[in-house]
Amino acid sequence: MKTIQLSTSKFYLNTNLEEKWKALKAKLNAWRVRHKTRAHLARLDDRMLSDIGLSRYDANKEAEKPFWED
């Protein structure tokens, strides 16, 4: 009986670690995309910003946020 519990616990531990690893990878990827998007936004000229309905002030305000902040 202990062997089955140990096996089940080990399976649960591996599954839990796998889920946490996937969540971490997803978070890191989201941060990378957010950083790249904000850097690109900062490089847009005023005409392009106007086309997407943003002012230079709004674009700079968004671009200055740290990558971990929504």
PDB file of N, CA and C in Angstrom:
ATOM      1  N   MET A   1       0.814  -1.190   0.000  1.00  0.00           N
ATOM      2  CA  MET A   1       0.000   0.000   0.000  1.00  0.00           C
ATOM      3  C   MET A   1       0.864   1.264   0.000  1.00  0.00           C
ATOM      4  N   LYS A   2       1.950   1.259   0.754  1.00  0.00           N
ATOM      5  CA  LYS A   2       2.816   2.427   0.775  1.00  0.00           C
ATOM      6  C   LYS A   2       3.454   2.678  -0.589  1.00  0.00           C
ATOM      7  N   THR A   3       3.746   1.614  -1.309  1.00  0.00           N
ATOM      8  CA  THR A   3       4.332   1.762  -2.633  1.00  0.00           C
ATOM      9  C   THR A   3       3.376   2.506  -3.563  1.00  0.00           C
ATOM     10  N   ILE A   4       2.113   2.183  -3.482  1.00  0.00           N
ATOM     11  CA  ILE A   4       1.114   2.849  -4.321  1.00  0.00           C
ATOM     12  C   ILE A   4       1.008   4.318  -3.931  1.00  0.00           C
ATOM     13  N   GLN A   5       0.988   4.615  -2.644  1.00  0.00           N
ATOM     14  CA  GLN A   5       0.913   6.002  -2.204  1.00  0.00           C
ATOM     15  C   GLN A   5       2.148   6.777  -2.638  1.00  0.00           C
ATOM     16  N   LEU A   6       3.296   6.187  -2.501  1.00  0.00           N
ATOM     17  CA  LEU A   6       4.527   6.845  -2.907  1.00  0.00           C
ATOM     18  C   LEU A   6       4.504   7.116  -4.400  1.00  0.00           C
ATOM     19  N   SER A   7       4.070   6.136  -5.155  1.00  0.00           N
ATOM     20  CA  SER A   7       3.972   6.291  -6.594  1.00  0.00           C
ATOM     21  C   SER A   7       2.985   7.404  -6.950  1.00  0.00           C
ATOM     22  N   THR A   8       1.849   7.424  -6.282  1.00  0.00           N
ATOM     23  CA  THR A   8       0.846   8.450  -6.536  1.00  0.00           C
ATOM     24  C   THR A   8       1.385   9.817  -6.151  1.00  0.00           C
ATOM     25  N   SER A   9       2.048   9.903  -5.012  1.00  0.00           N
ATOM     26  CA  SER A   9       2.625  11.170  -4.579  1.00  0.00           C
ATOM     27  C   SER A   9       3.685  11.642  -5.560  1.00  0.00           C
ATOM     28  N   LYS A  10       4.497  10.719  -6.035  1.00  0.00           N
ATOM     29  CA  LYS A  10       5.538  11.069  -6.994  1.00  0.00           C
ATOM     30  C   LYS A  10       4.910  11.570  -8.294  1.00  0.00           C
ATOM     31  N   PHE A  11       3.860  10.907  -8.743  1.00  0.00           N
ATOM     32  CA  PHE A  11       3.159  11.334  -9.947  1.00  0.00           C
ATOM     33  C   PHE A  11       2.583  12.731  -9.752  1.00  0.00           C
ATOM     34  N   TYR A  12       1.955  12.960  -8.600  1.00  0.00           N
ATOM     35  CA  TYR A  12       1.375  14.267  -8.314  1.00  0.00           C
ATOM     36  C   TYR A  12       2.460  15.335  -8.281  1.00  0.00           C
ATOM     37  N   LEU A  13       3.581  15.035  -7.661  1.00  0.00           N
ATOM     38  CA  LEU A  13       4.683  15.979  -7.583  1.00  0.00           C
ATOM     39  C   LEU A  13       5.191  16.317  -8.977  1.00  0.00           C
ATOM     40  N   ASN A  14       5.376  15.310  -9.817  1.00  0.00           N
ATOM     41  CA  ASN A  14       5.842  15.555 -11.179  1.00  0.00           C
ATOM     42  C   ASN A  14       4.838  16.372 -11.973  1.00  0.00           C
ATOM     43  N   THR A  15       3.564  16.049 -11.817  1.00  0.00           N
ATOM     44  CA  THR A  15       2.522  16.791 -12.522  1.00  0.00           C
ATOM     45  C   THR A  15       2.497  18.236 -12.052  1.00  0.00           C
ATOM     46  N   ASN A  16       2.598  18.433 -10.756  1.00  0.00           N
ATOM     47  CA  ASN A  16       2.585  19.771 -10.194  1.00  0.00           C
ATOM     48  C   ASN A  16       3.787  20.575 -10.689  1.00  0.00           C
ATOM     49  N   LEU A  17       4.956  19.974 -10.710  1.00  0.00           N
ATOM     50  CA  LEU A  17       6.145  20.665 -11.210  1.00  0.00           C
ATOM     51  C   LEU A  17       6.010  20.984 -12.691  1.00  0.00           C
ATOM     52  N   GLU A  18       5.452  20.054 -13.432  1.00  0.00           N
ATOM     53  CA  GLU A  18       5.259  20.281 -14.865  1.00  0.00           C
ATOM     54  C   GLU A  18       4.306  21.452 -15.102  1.00  0.00           C
ATOM     55  N   GLU A  19       3.236  21.502 -14.333  1.00  0.00           N
ATOM     56  CA  GLU A  19       2.283  22.610 -14.460  1.00  0.00           C
ATOM     57  C   GLU A  19       2.942  23.939 -14.103  1.00  0.00           C
ATOM     58  N   LYS A  20       3.732  23.937 -13.042  1.00  0.00           N
ATOM     59  CA  LYS A  20       4.419  25.165 -12.641  1.00  0.00           C
ATOM     60  C   LYS A  20       5.438  25.589 -13.694  1.00  0.00           C
ATOM     61  N   TRP A  21       6.131  24.630 -14.285  1.00  0.00           N
ATOM     62  CA  TRP A  21       7.108  24.930 -15.332  1.00  0.00           C
ATOM     63  C   TRP A  21       6.403  25.543 -16.546  1.00  0.00           C
ATOM     64  N   LYS A  22       5.263  24.972 -16.935  1.00  0.00           N
ATOM     65  CA  LYS A  22       4.501  25.509 -18.067  1.00  0.00           C
ATOM     66  C   LYS A  22       4.017  26.925 -17.767  1.00  0.00           C
ATOM     67  N   ALA A  23       3.558  27.153 -16.547  1.00  0.00           N
ATOM     68  CA  ALA A  23       3.084  28.481 -16.158  1.00  0.00           C
ATOM     69  C   ALA A  23       4.231  29.486 -16.171  1.00  0.00           C
ATOM     70  N   LEU A  24       5.397  29.072 -15.704  1.00  0.00           N
ATOM     71  CA  LEU A  24       6.561  29.954 -15.714  1.00  0.00           C
ATOM     72  C   LEU A  24       6.969  30.294 -17.144  1.00  0.00           C
ATOM     73  N   LYS A  25       6.992  29.297 -18.011  1.00  0.00           N
ATOM     74  CA  LYS A  25       7.345  29.547 -19.414  1.00  0.00           C
ATOM     75  C   LYS A  25       6.346  30.499 -20.067  1.00  0.00           C
ATOM     76  N   ALA A  26       5.075  30.327 -19.765  1.00  0.00           N
ATOM     77  CA  ALA A  26       4.047  31.212 -20.324  1.00  0.00           C
ATOM     78  C   ALA A  26       4.233  32.640 -19.823  1.00  0.00           C
ATOM     79  N   LYS A  27       4.541  32.787 -18.542  1.00  0.00           N
ATOM     80  CA  LYS A  27       4.754  34.123 -17.967  1.00  0.00           C
ATOM     81  C   LYS A  27       5.974  34.797 -18.590  1.00  0.00           C
ATOM     82  N   LEU A  28       7.069  34.051 -18.720  1.00  0.00           N
ATOM     83  CA  LEU A  28       8.278  34.609 -19.330  1.00  0.00           C
ATOM     84  C   LEU A  28       8.029  35.014 -20.779  1.00  0.00           C
ATOM     85  N   ASN A  29       7.277  34.206 -21.501  1.00  0.00           N
ATOM     86  CA  ASN A  29       6.962  34.538 -22.886  1.00  0.00           C
ATOM     87  C   ASN A  29       6.095  35.796 -22.961  1.00  0.00           C
ATOM     88  N   ALA A  30       5.125  35.913 -22.069  1.00  0.00           N
ATOM     89  CA  ALA A  30       4.273  37.105 -22.044  1.00  0.00           C
ATOM     90  C   ALA A  30       5.105  38.349 -21.760  1.00  0.00           C
ATOM     91  N   TRP A  31       6.043  38.240 -20.835  1.00  0.00           N
ATOM     92  CA  TRP A  31       6.923  39.371 -20.536  1.00  0.00           C
ATOM     93  C   TRP A  31       7.775  39.747 -21.741  1.00  0.00           C
ATOM     94  N   ARG A  32       8.281  38.742 -22.461  1.00  0.00           N
ATOM     95  CA  ARG A  32       9.111  39.000 -23.643  1.00  0.00           C
ATOM     96  C   ARG A  32       8.296  39.721 -24.712  1.00  0.00           C
ATOM     97  N   VAL A  33       7.103  39.235 -24.958  1.00  0.00           N
ATOM     98  CA  VAL A  33       6.236  39.850 -25.965  1.00  0.00           C
ATOM     99  C   VAL A  33       5.873  41.276 -25.556  1.00  0.00           C
ATOM    100  N   ARG A  34       5.550  41.469 -24.288  1.00  0.00           N
ATOM    101  CA  ARG A  34       5.199  42.803 -23.797  1.00  0.00           C
ATOM    102  C   ARG A  34       6.369  43.769 -23.956  1.00  0.00           C
ATOM    103  N   HIS A  35       7.567  43.320 -23.645  1.00  0.00           N
ATOM    104  CA  HIS A  35       8.758  44.165 -23.794  1.00  0.00           C
ATOM    105  C   HIS A  35       8.971  44.558 -25.254  1.00  0.00           C
ATOM    106  N   LYS A  36       8.883  43.583 -26.152  1.00  0.00           N
ATOM    107  CA  LYS A  36       9.083  43.858 -27.574  1.00  0.00           C
ATOM    108  C   LYS A  36       7.993  44.783 -28.121  1.00  0.00           C
ATOM    109  N   THR A  37       6.763  44.577 -27.702  1.00  0.00           N
ATOM    110  CA  THR A  37       5.654  45.398 -28.174  1.00  0.00           C
ATOM    111  C   THR A  37       5.815  46.841 -27.722  1.00  0.00           C
ATOM    112  N   ARG A  38       6.191  47.029 -26.476  1.00  0.00           N
ATOM    113  CA  ARG A  38       6.375  48.391 -25.964  1.00  0.00           C
ATOM    114  C   ARG A  38       7.562  49.078 -26.621  1.00  0.00           C
ATOM    115  N   ALA A  39       8.613  48.339 -26.882  1.00  0.00           N
ATOM    116  CA  ALA A  39       9.769  48.918 -27.577  1.00  0.00           C
ATOM    117  C   ALA A  39       9.367  49.345 -28.986  1.00  0.00           C
ATOM    118  N   HIS A  40       8.576  48.526 -29.657  1.00  0.00           N
ATOM    119  CA  HIS A  40       8.106  48.864 -31.004  1.00  0.00           C
ATOM    120  C   HIS A  40       7.187  50.082 -30.956  1.00  0.00           C
ATOM    121  N   LEU A  41       6.315  50.147 -29.980  1.00  0.00           N
ATOM    122  CA  LEU A  41       5.414  51.283 -29.819  1.00  0.00           C
ATOM    123  C   LEU A  41       6.202  52.582 -29.658  1.00  0.00           C
ATOM    124  N   ALA A  42       7.278  52.531 -28.910  1.00  0.00           N
ATOM    125  CA  ALA A  42       8.099  53.724 -28.679  1.00  0.00           C
ATOM    126  C   ALA A  42       8.760  54.220 -29.962  1.00  0.00           C
ATOM    127  N   ARG A  43       8.947  53.337 -30.933  1.00  0.00           N
ATOM    128  CA  ARG A  43       9.603  53.725 -32.190  1.00  0.00           C
ATOM    129  C   ARG A  43       8.635  54.228 -33.260  1.00  0.00           C
ATOM    130  N   LEU A  44       7.340  54.125 -33.025  1.00  0.00           N
ATOM    131  CA  LEU A  44       6.377  54.589 -34.026  1.00  0.00           C
ATOM    132  C   LEU A  44       6.402  56.108 -34.127  1.00  0.00           C
ATOM    133  N   ASP A  45       6.240  56.609 -35.361  1.00  0.00           N
ATOM    134  CA  ASP A  45       6.185  58.064 -35.519  1.00  0.00           C
ATOM    135  C   ASP A  45       4.764  58.558 -35.222  1.00  0.00           C
ATOM    136  N   ASP A  46       4.615  59.877 -35.141  1.00  0.00           N
ATOM    137  CA  ASP A  46       3.329  60.459 -34.743  1.00  0.00           C
ATOM    138  C   ASP A  46       2.199  60.099 -35.707  1.00  0.00           C
ATOM    139  N   ARG A  47       2.488  59.998 -36.995  1.00  0.00           N
ATOM    140  CA  ARG A  47       1.470  59.628 -37.973  1.00  0.00           C
ATOM    141  C   ARG A  47       0.954  58.217 -37.706  1.00  0.00           C
ATOM    142  N   MET A  48       1.878  57.298 -37.444  1.00  0.00           N
ATOM    143  CA  MET A  48       1.474  55.917 -37.156  1.00  0.00           C
ATOM    144  C   MET A  48       0.686  55.831 -35.852  1.00  0.00           C
ATOM    145  N   LEU A  49       1.114  56.588 -34.866  1.00  0.00           N
ATOM    146  CA  LEU A  49       0.378  56.604 -33.595  1.00  0.00           C
ATOM    147  C   LEU A  49      -1.035  57.140 -33.798  1.00  0.00           C
ATOM    148  N   SER A  50      -1.159  58.183 -34.620  1.00  0.00           N
ATOM    149  CA  SER A  50      -2.470  58.743 -34.921  1.00  0.00           C
ATOM    150  C   SER A  50      -3.360  57.704 -35.607  1.00  0.00           C
ATOM    151  N   ASP A  51      -2.769  56.912 -36.484  1.00  0.00           N
ATOM    152  CA  ASP A  51      -3.524  55.867 -37.187  1.00  0.00           C
ATOM    153  C   ASP A  51      -4.129  54.841 -36.222  1.00  0.00           C
ATOM    154  N   ILE A  52      -3.455  54.589 -35.116  1.00  0.00           N
ATOM    155  CA  ILE A  52      -3.980  53.609 -34.155  1.00  0.00           C
ATOM    156  C   ILE A  52      -4.669  54.285 -32.962  1.00  0.00           C
ATOM    157  N   GLY A  53      -4.830  55.613 -33.058  1.00  0.00           N
ATOM    158  CA  GLY A  53      -5.595  56.336 -32.045  1.00  0.00           C
ATOM    159  C   GLY A  53      -4.852  56.641 -30.764  1.00  0.00           C
ATOM    160  N   LEU A  54      -3.526  56.748 -30.849  1.00  0.00           N
ATOM    161  CA  LEU A  54      -2.734  57.072 -29.659  1.00  0.00           C
ATOM    162  C   LEU A  54      -1.993  58.382 -29.850  1.00  0.00           C
ATOM    163  N   SER A  55      -1.809  59.095 -28.764  1.00  0.00           N
ATOM    164  CA  SER A  55      -0.972  60.292 -28.792  1.00  0.00           C
ATOM    165  C   SER A  55       0.459  59.891 -28.439  1.00  0.00           C
ATOM    166  N   ARG A  56       1.381  60.791 -28.688  1.00  0.00           N
ATOM    167  CA  ARG A  56       2.778  60.534 -28.317  1.00  0.00           C
ATOM    168  C   ARG A  56       2.870  60.338 -26.805  1.00  0.00           C
ATOM    169  N   TYR A  57       2.130  61.146 -26.053  1.00  0.00           N
ATOM    170  CA  TYR A  57       2.136  61.029 -24.593  1.00  0.00           C
ATOM    171  C   TYR A  57       1.693  59.633 -24.152  1.00  0.00           C
ATOM    172  N   ASP A  58       0.580  59.158 -24.718  1.00  0.00           N
ATOM    173  CA  ASP A  58       0.068  57.827 -24.356  1.00  0.00           C
ATOM    174  C   ASP A  58       1.063  56.731 -24.718  1.00  0.00           C
ATOM    175  N   ALA A  59       1.667  56.856 -25.890  1.00  0.00           N
ATOM    176  CA  ALA A  59       2.640  55.848 -26.333  1.00  0.00           C
ATOM    177  C   ALA A  59       3.851  55.831 -25.405  1.00  0.00           C
ATOM    178  N   ASN A  60       4.346  57.009 -25.058  1.00  0.00           N
ATOM    179  CA  ASN A  60       5.507  57.072 -24.160  1.00  0.00           C
ATOM    180  C   ASN A  60       5.167  56.544 -22.772  1.00  0.00           C
ATOM    181  N   LYS A  61       3.979  56.882 -22.308  1.00  0.00           N
ATOM    182  CA  LYS A  61       3.545  56.408 -20.989  1.00  0.00           C
ATOM    183  C   LYS A  61       3.501  54.877 -20.962  1.00  0.00           C
ATOM    184  N   GLU A  62       2.968  54.270 -22.018  1.00  0.00           N
ATOM    185  CA  GLU A  62       2.901  52.809 -22.098  1.00  0.00           C
ATOM    186  C   GLU A  62       4.295  52.207 -22.269  1.00  0.00           C
ATOM    187  N   ALA A  63       5.107  52.808 -23.106  1.00  0.00           N
ATOM    188  CA  ALA A  63       6.442  52.269 -23.393  1.00  0.00           C
ATOM    189  C   ALA A  63       7.361  52.320 -22.174  1.00  0.00           C
ATOM    190  N   GLU A  64       7.114  53.256 -21.275  1.00  0.00           N
ATOM    191  CA  GLU A  64       7.966  53.393 -20.092  1.00  0.00           C
ATOM    192  C   GLU A  64       7.633  52.390 -18.987  1.00  0.00           C
ATOM    193  N   LYS A  65       6.521  51.690 -19.112  1.00  0.00           N
ATOM    194  CA  LYS A  65       6.153  50.708 -18.087  1.00  0.00           C
ATOM    195  C   LYS A  65       7.143  49.547 -18.097  1.00  0.00           C
ATOM    196  N   PRO A  66       7.429  48.975 -16.940  1.00  0.00           N
ATOM    197  CA  PRO A  66       8.281  47.779 -16.912  1.00  0.00           C
ATOM    198  C   PRO A  66       7.553  46.593 -17.542  1.00  0.00           C
ATOM    199  N   PHE A  67       8.310  45.657 -18.067  1.00  0.00           N
ATOM    200  CA  PHE A  67       7.723  44.534 -18.799  1.00  0.00           C
ATOM    201  C   PHE A  67       6.804  43.667 -17.942  1.00  0.00           C
ATOM    202  N   TRP A  68       6.986  43.669 -16.652  1.00  0.00           N
ATOM    203  CA  TRP A  68       6.172  42.802 -15.793  1.00  0.00           C
ATOM    204  C   TRP A  68       4.835  43.452 -15.420  1.00  0.00           C
ATOM    205  N   GLU A  69       4.647  44.702 -15.788  1.00  0.00           N
ATOM    206  CA  GLU A  69       3.424  45.418 -15.443  1.00  0.00           C
ATOM    207  C   GLU A  69       2.447  45.382 -16.617  1.00  0.00           C
ATOM    208  N   ASP A  70       1.178  45.045 -16.327  1.00  0.00           N
ATOM    209  CA  ASP A  70       0.154  45.018 -17.389  1.00  0.00           C
ATOM    210  C   ASP A  70      -0.195  46.404 -17.842  1.00  0.00           C
TER     211      ASP A  70
END
